Amino acid sequence: MKRKESQQLTVSRILESAEKNFADYGFHAASVETITMEAGYSRGAFYSNFESKEDLFLKLVESRMDQILMELDLILTTELPPNQKLDHIRTYYRKNAQNPKFALIMSEFFQLAIRSHEIKEKIRKINRVYNQKLASIVDHIFNDSKEKPALSSYEITVMLLSLGEGLMLQHLSDPKKFNDAAISKTIDFAFDRLIQIHFS
């Protein structure tokens, strides 16, 4: 295996271990030692690829955001009318909203944006860039709608992100009262209204 490929594998495995540990224990309780040990590497391998636990956390979030953007971009490049693209995005959004690890990590992400004096500006910058890229996708979808949305594309983006993350946190806090079916039903309600108002 080439050096670059080996390094990419190391980073990938550490990120995977970090995702589990940050989701299970939270940012502050998760340790570099446990993350690297469970990934099968030493502290030396960790610090060869990441500056600190904060750096690891930010790179984890950015990598997951990049993956989401890439998958949404694949939907946009299909030869489908806007309402059908929105329907495909709904399916993807529903799957993503039911990802407990991502919801828990994003909860940590926003708490750090509020409380961490050391990295809150970096977090806010990452979040703004992500939201702007998602907003451009919203623009693309609604460009040919029969009625322009009352909200800006950025506001629609924040609304949908908040809905998905909030639904999963509600589910995790009380899964018997608010189950997976309730998440899907709520998401379908929101997307059905968007399609009905703007594309029917």
C-alpha atoms as a PDB file:
ATOM      1  CA  MET A   1       0.000   0.000   0.000  1.00  0.00           C
ATOM      2  CA  LYS A   2       1.323   3.443  -0.951  1.00  0.00           C
ATOM      3  CA  ARG A   3       2.096   5.990   1.768  1.00  0.00           C
ATOM      4  CA  LYS A   4      -0.788   8.280   0.782  1.00  0.00           C
ATOM      5  CA  GLU A   5      -3.268   5.381   0.707  1.00  0.00           C
ATOM      6  CA  SER A   6      -2.020   4.197   4.092  1.00  0.00           C
ATOM      7  CA  GLN A   7      -2.478   7.671   5.554  1.00  0.00           C
ATOM      8  CA  GLN A   8      -5.996   7.929   4.105  1.00  0.00           C
ATOM      9  CA  LEU A   9      -6.878   4.571   5.669  1.00  0.00           C
ATOM     10  CA  THR A  10      -5.513   5.717   9.038  1.00  0.00           C
ATOM     11  CA  VAL A  11      -7.537   8.943   8.907  1.00  0.00           C
ATOM     12  CA  SER A  12     -10.675   7.070   7.830  1.00  0.00           C
ATOM     13  CA  ARG A  13     -10.431   4.556  10.684  1.00  0.00           C
ATOM     14  CA  ILE A  14      -9.732   7.225  13.288  1.00  0.00           C
ATOM     15  CA  LEU A  15     -12.693   9.285  12.036  1.00  0.00           C
ATOM     16  CA  GLU A  16     -14.935   6.222  12.227  1.00  0.00           C
ATOM     17  CA  SER A  17     -13.829   5.535  15.799  1.00  0.00           C
ATOM     18  CA  ALA A  18     -14.220   9.222  16.669  1.00  0.00           C
ATOM     19  CA  GLU A  19     -17.777   9.263  15.340  1.00  0.00           C
ATOM     20  CA  LYS A  20     -18.728   6.384  17.639  1.00  0.00           C
ATOM     21  CA  ASN A  21     -16.999   7.838  20.700  1.00  0.00           C
ATOM     22  CA  PHE A  22     -18.246  11.401  20.266  1.00  0.00           C
ATOM     23  CA  ALA A  23     -21.793  10.113  19.744  1.00  0.00           C
ATOM     24  CA  ASP A  24     -21.628   7.725  22.719  1.00  0.00           C
ATOM     25  CA  TYR A  25     -19.816   9.915  25.258  1.00  0.00           C
ATOM     26  CA  GLY A  26     -19.924  13.494  23.991  1.00  0.00           C
ATOM     27  CA  PHE A  27     -17.027  15.711  22.983  1.00  0.00           C
ATOM     28  CA  HIS A  28     -15.607  16.360  26.453  1.00  0.00           C
ATOM     29  CA  ALA A  29     -15.809  12.784  27.766  1.00  0.00           C
ATOM     30  CA  ALA A  30     -14.415  11.144  24.625  1.00  0.00           C
ATOM     31  CA  SER A  31     -10.647  10.663  24.818  1.00  0.00           C
ATOM     32  CA  VAL A  32      -7.943  10.622  22.169  1.00  0.00           C
ATOM     33  CA  GLU A  33      -6.506   7.486  23.788  1.00  0.00           C
ATOM     34  CA  THR A  34      -9.743   5.499  23.472  1.00  0.00           C
ATOM     35  CA  ILE A  35     -10.445   6.755  19.955  1.00  0.00           C
ATOM     36  CA  THR A  36      -7.003   5.784  18.662  1.00  0.00           C
ATOM     37  CA  MET A  37      -6.925   2.465  20.540  1.00  0.00           C
ATOM     38  CA  GLU A  38     -10.312   1.398  19.139  1.00  0.00           C
ATOM     39  CA  ALA A  39      -9.158   2.444  15.660  1.00  0.00           C
ATOM     40  CA  GLY A  40      -6.085   0.236  16.094  1.00  0.00           C
ATOM     41  CA  TYR A  41      -3.469   3.000  16.148  1.00  0.00           C
ATOM     42  CA  SER A  42      -1.080   4.740  18.536  1.00  0.00           C
ATOM     43  CA  ARG A  43      -1.126   8.317  19.823  1.00  0.00           C
ATOM     44  CA  GLY A  44       1.736   8.978  17.418  1.00  0.00           C
ATOM     45  CA  ALA A  45      -0.449   8.024  14.459  1.00  0.00           C
ATOM     46  CA  PHE A  46      -3.172  10.295  15.788  1.00  0.00           C
ATOM     47  CA  TYR A  47      -0.927  13.347  16.120  1.00  0.00           C
ATOM     48  CA  SER A  48       0.580  12.702  12.701  1.00  0.00           C
ATOM     49  CA  ASN A  49      -2.860  13.384  11.223  1.00  0.00           C
ATOM     50  CA  PHE A  50      -4.669  15.636  13.708  1.00  0.00           C
ATOM     51  CA  GLU A  51      -3.495  18.567  15.795  1.00  0.00           C
ATOM     52  CA  SER A  52      -5.835  17.922  18.727  1.00  0.00           C
ATOM     53  CA  LYS A  53      -9.172  16.441  19.766  1.00  0.00           C
ATOM     54  CA  GLU A  54     -10.804  19.690  18.635  1.00  0.00           C
ATOM     55  CA  ASP A  55      -9.176  19.362  15.218  1.00  0.00           C
ATOM     56  CA  LEU A  56     -10.378  15.750  14.977  1.00  0.00           C
ATOM     57  CA  PHE A  57     -13.939  16.730  15.861  1.00  0.00           C
ATOM     58  CA  LEU A  58     -14.059  19.517  13.279  1.00  0.00           C
ATOM     59  CA  LYS A  59     -12.603  17.300  10.555  1.00  0.00           C
ATOM     60  CA  LEU A  60     -15.132  14.596  11.414  1.00  0.00           C
ATOM     61  CA  VAL A  61     -18.033  17.028  11.058  1.00  0.00           C
ATOM     62  CA  GLU A  62     -16.634  18.459   7.818  1.00  0.00           C
ATOM     63  CA  SER A  63     -16.145  14.982   6.335  1.00  0.00           C
ATOM     64  CA  ARG A  64     -19.753  14.012   7.114  1.00  0.00           C
ATOM     65  CA  MET A  65     -21.028  17.317   5.727  1.00  0.00           C
ATOM     66  CA  ASP A  66     -18.993  16.803   2.539  1.00  0.00           C
ATOM     67  CA  GLN A  67     -20.484  13.328   2.145  1.00  0.00           C
ATOM     68  CA  ILE A  68     -24.020  14.713   2.460  1.00  0.00           C
ATOM     69  CA  LEU A  69     -23.317  17.452  -0.095  1.00  0.00           C
ATOM     70  CA  MET A  70     -21.830  14.944  -2.536  1.00  0.00           C
ATOM     71  CA  GLU A  71     -24.855  12.635  -2.279  1.00  0.00           C
ATOM     72  CA  LEU A  72     -27.294  15.525  -2.706  1.00  0.00           C
ATOM     73  CA  ASP A  73     -25.339  16.738  -5.725  1.00  0.00           C
ATOM     74  CA  LEU A  74     -25.847  13.320  -7.338  1.00  0.00           C
ATOM     75  CA  ILE A  75     -29.607  13.794  -6.965  1.00  0.00           C
ATOM     76  CA  LEU A  76     -29.436  17.246  -8.556  1.00  0.00           C
ATOM     77  CA  THR A  77     -27.592  15.966 -11.621  1.00  0.00           C
ATOM     78  CA  THR A  78     -30.362  13.489 -12.487  1.00  0.00           C
ATOM     79  CA  GLU A  79     -32.652  14.299 -15.426  1.00  0.00           C
ATOM     80  CA  LEU A  80     -35.783  14.730 -13.329  1.00  0.00           C
ATOM     81  CA  PRO A  81     -38.267  17.596 -12.888  1.00  0.00           C
ATOM     82  CA  PRO A  82     -37.772  19.703  -9.722  1.00  0.00           C
ATOM     83  CA  ASN A  83     -40.690  18.168  -7.801  1.00  0.00           C
ATOM     84  CA  GLN A  84     -39.279  14.660  -8.325  1.00  0.00           C
ATOM     85  CA  LYS A  85     -35.811  15.817  -7.299  1.00  0.00           C
ATOM     86  CA  LEU A  86     -37.362  17.230  -4.133  1.00  0.00           C
ATOM     87  CA  ASP A  87     -39.048  13.878  -3.548  1.00  0.00           C
ATOM     88  CA  HIS A  88     -35.688  12.088  -3.869  1.00  0.00           C
ATOM     89  CA  ILE A  89     -34.165  14.606  -1.463  1.00  0.00           C
ATOM     90  CA  ARG A  90     -37.029  13.868   0.941  1.00  0.00           C
ATOM     91  CA  THR A  91     -36.106  10.155   0.898  1.00  0.00           C
ATOM     92  CA  TYR A  92     -32.448  10.957   1.507  1.00  0.00           C
ATOM     93  CA  TYR A  93     -33.338  13.525   4.177  1.00  0.00           C
ATOM     94  CA  ARG A  94     -35.534  10.997   5.984  1.00  0.00           C
ATOM     95  CA  LYS A  95     -32.693   8.463   6.053  1.00  0.00           C
ATOM     96  CA  ASN A  96     -30.244  11.075   7.309  1.00  0.00           C
ATOM     97  CA  ALA A  97     -32.659  12.392   9.948  1.00  0.00           C
ATOM     98  CA  GLN A  98     -32.861   8.862  11.357  1.00  0.00           C
ATOM     99  CA  ASN A  99     -29.087   8.664  11.869  1.00  0.00           C
ATOM    100  CA  PRO A 100     -28.650   8.942  15.657  1.00  0.00           C
ATOM    101  CA  LYS A 101     -24.859   9.317  15.553  1.00  0.00           C
ATOM    102  CA  PHE A 102     -25.006  12.322  13.253  1.00  0.00           C
ATOM    103  CA  ALA A 103     -27.758  13.976  15.316  1.00  0.00           C
ATOM    104  CA  LEU A 104     -25.775  13.538  18.539  1.00  0.00           C
ATOM    105  CA  ILE A 105     -22.576  14.839  16.957  1.00  0.00           C
ATOM    106  CA  MET A 106     -24.387  17.875  15.549  1.00  0.00           C
ATOM    107  CA  SER A 107     -25.821  18.505  19.017  1.00  0.00           C
ATOM    108  CA  GLU A 108     -22.243  18.583  20.348  1.00  0.00           C
ATOM    109  CA  PHE A 109     -21.250  20.769  17.390  1.00  0.00           C
ATOM    110  CA  PHE A 110     -23.802  23.461  18.238  1.00  0.00           C
ATOM    111  CA  GLN A 111     -23.066  23.321  21.965  1.00  0.00           C
ATOM    112  CA  LEU A 112     -19.396  23.966  21.203  1.00  0.00           C
ATOM    113  CA  ALA A 113     -20.395  26.822  18.882  1.00  0.00           C
ATOM    114  CA  ILE A 114     -22.140  28.432  21.853  1.00  0.00           C
ATOM    115  CA  ARG A 115     -19.785  27.566  24.720  1.00  0.00           C
ATOM    116  CA  SER A 116     -16.277  26.983  23.402  1.00  0.00           C
ATOM    117  CA  HIS A 117     -14.227  30.173  23.328  1.00  0.00           C
ATOM    118  CA  GLU A 118     -11.355  28.303  21.647  1.00  0.00           C
ATOM    119  CA  ILE A 119     -13.081  26.954  18.537  1.00  0.00           C
ATOM    120  CA  LYS A 120     -16.526  28.548  18.311  1.00  0.00           C
ATOM    121  CA  GLU A 121     -15.522  30.844  15.441  1.00  0.00           C
ATOM    122  CA  LYS A 122     -14.153  27.882  13.466  1.00  0.00           C
ATOM    123  CA  ILE A 123     -17.401  26.003  14.095  1.00  0.00           C
ATOM    124  CA  ARG A 124     -19.525  28.937  12.993  1.00  0.00           C
ATOM    125  CA  LYS A 125     -17.490  29.283   9.808  1.00  0.00           C
ATOM    126  CA  ILE A 126     -17.882  25.568   9.000  1.00  0.00           C
ATOM    127  CA  ASN A 127     -21.617  25.776   9.662  1.00  0.00           C
ATOM    128  CA  ARG A 128     -22.076  28.879   7.484  1.00  0.00           C
ATOM    129  CA  VAL A 129     -20.202  27.304   4.565  1.00  0.00           C
ATOM    130  CA  TYR A 130     -22.258  24.099   4.859  1.00  0.00           C
ATOM    131  CA  ASN A 131     -25.540  25.993   5.082  1.00  0.00           C
ATOM    132  CA  GLN A 132     -24.637  28.176   2.104  1.00  0.00           C
ATOM    133  CA  LYS A 133     -23.863  25.114  -0.018  1.00  0.00           C
ATOM    134  CA  LEU A 134     -27.152  23.513   0.998  1.00  0.00           C
ATOM    135  CA  ALA A 135     -28.922  26.806   0.273  1.00  0.00           C
ATOM    136  CA  SER A 136     -27.573  26.712  -3.289  1.00  0.00           C
ATOM    137  CA  ILE A 137     -29.197  23.280  -3.644  1.00  0.00           C
ATOM    138  CA  VAL A 138     -32.475  24.753  -2.377  1.00  0.00           C
ATOM    139  CA  ASP A 139     -32.124  27.558  -4.945  1.00  0.00           C
ATOM    140  CA  HIS A 140     -31.643  24.984  -7.688  1.00  0.00           C
ATOM    141  CA  ILE A 141     -34.766  23.067  -6.660  1.00  0.00           C
ATOM    142  CA  PHE A 142     -37.039  26.095  -6.303  1.00  0.00           C
ATOM    143  CA  ASN A 143     -35.738  27.955  -9.349  1.00  0.00           C
ATOM    144  CA  ASP A 144     -38.554  26.538 -11.505  1.00  0.00           C
ATOM    145  CA  SER A 145     -41.282  26.446  -8.861  1.00  0.00           C
ATOM    146  CA  LYS A 146     -44.643  28.012  -9.681  1.00  0.00           C
ATOM    147  CA  GLU A 147     -44.526  30.124  -6.529  1.00  0.00           C
ATOM    148  CA  LYS A 148     -41.376  31.510  -4.962  1.00  0.00           C
ATOM    149  CA  PRO A 149     -40.918  30.609  -1.273  1.00  0.00           C
ATOM    150  CA  ALA A 150     -41.632  33.247   1.359  1.00  0.00           C
ATOM    151  CA  LEU A 151     -38.377  32.261   3.071  1.00  0.00           C
ATOM    152  CA  SER A 152     -34.892  32.710   1.665  1.00  0.00           C
ATOM    153  CA  SER A 153     -33.018  29.598   0.560  1.00  0.00           C
ATOM    154  CA  TYR A 154     -30.762  29.959   3.616  1.00  0.00           C
ATOM    155  CA  GLU A 155     -33.789  30.138   5.925  1.00  0.00           C
ATOM    156  CA  ILE A 156     -35.351  27.057   4.304  1.00  0.00           C
ATOM    157  CA  THR A 157     -32.045  25.236   4.763  1.00  0.00           C
ATOM    158  CA  VAL A 158     -31.852  26.077   8.466  1.00  0.00           C
ATOM    159  CA  MET A 159     -35.516  25.119   8.913  1.00  0.00           C
ATOM    160  CA  LEU A 160     -35.030  21.675   7.348  1.00  0.00           C
ATOM    161  CA  LEU A 161     -31.767  21.005   9.188  1.00  0.00           C
ATOM    162  CA  SER A 162     -33.308  22.029  12.505  1.00  0.00           C
ATOM    163  CA  LEU A 163     -36.336  19.847  11.840  1.00  0.00           C
ATOM    164  CA  GLY A 164     -34.284  16.737  11.069  1.00  0.00           C
ATOM    165  CA  GLU A 165     -31.854  17.131  13.961  1.00  0.00           C
ATOM    166  CA  GLY A 166     -34.627  18.067  16.384  1.00  0.00           C
ATOM    167  CA  LEU A 167     -36.772  15.081  15.426  1.00  0.00           C
ATOM    168  CA  MET A 168     -33.936  12.648  16.055  1.00  0.00           C
ATOM    169  CA  LEU A 169     -33.115  14.222  19.425  1.00  0.00           C
ATOM    170  CA  GLN A 170     -36.789  13.955  20.409  1.00  0.00           C
ATOM    171  CA  HIS A 171     -36.717  10.304  19.339  1.00  0.00           C
ATOM    172  CA  LEU A 172     -33.539   9.549  21.285  1.00  0.00           C
ATOM    173  CA  SER A 173     -34.900  11.206  24.424  1.00  0.00           C
ATOM    174  CA  ASP A 174     -38.228   9.322  24.294  1.00  0.00           C
ATOM    175  CA  PRO A 175     -38.220   6.564  21.624  1.00  0.00           C
ATOM    176  CA  LYS A 176     -41.456   4.959  22.827  1.00  0.00           C
ATOM    177  CA  LYS A 177     -43.449   8.172  22.488  1.00  0.00           C
ATOM    178  CA  PHE A 178     -41.744   9.400  19.298  1.00  0.00           C
ATOM    179  CA  ASN A 179     -40.601   6.458  17.172  1.00  0.00           C
ATOM    180  CA  ASP A 180     -39.071   6.099  13.692  1.00  0.00           C
ATOM    181  CA  ALA A 181     -42.517   6.054  12.101  1.00  0.00           C
ATOM    182  CA  ALA A 182     -43.302   9.410  13.716  1.00  0.00           C
ATOM    183  CA  ILE A 183     -40.077  10.868  12.297  1.00  0.00           C
ATOM    184  CA  SER A 184     -40.992   9.711   8.786  1.00  0.00           C
ATOM    185  CA  LYS A 185     -44.559  10.978   9.141  1.00  0.00           C
ATOM    186  CA  THR A 186     -43.402  14.426  10.269  1.00  0.00           C
ATOM    187  CA  ILE A 187     -40.830  14.719   7.483  1.00  0.00           C
ATOM    188  CA  ASP A 188     -43.387  13.606   4.891  1.00  0.00           C
ATOM    189  CA  PHE A 189     -45.806  16.247   6.175  1.00  0.00           C
ATOM    190  CA  ALA A 190     -43.208  19.010   5.723  1.00  0.00           C
ATOM    191  CA  PHE A 191     -42.078  17.886   2.264  1.00  0.00           C
ATOM    192  CA  ASP A 192     -45.636  17.240   1.049  1.00  0.00           C
ATOM    193  CA  ARG A 193     -46.504  20.842   1.893  1.00  0.00           C
ATOM    194  CA  LEU A 194     -43.439  22.146   0.062  1.00  0.00           C
ATOM    195  CA  ILE A 195     -44.309  20.120  -3.043  1.00  0.00           C
ATOM    196  CA  GLN A 196     -48.014  20.974  -2.858  1.00  0.00           C
ATOM    197  CA  ILE A 197     -47.462  24.723  -2.500  1.00  0.00           C
ATOM    198  CA  HIS A 198     -44.630  25.179  -4.970  1.00  0.00           C
ATOM    199  CA  PHE A 199     -44.919  22.433  -7.598  1.00  0.00           C
ATOM    200  CA  SER A 200     -48.537  21.215  -7.799  1.00  0.00           C
END
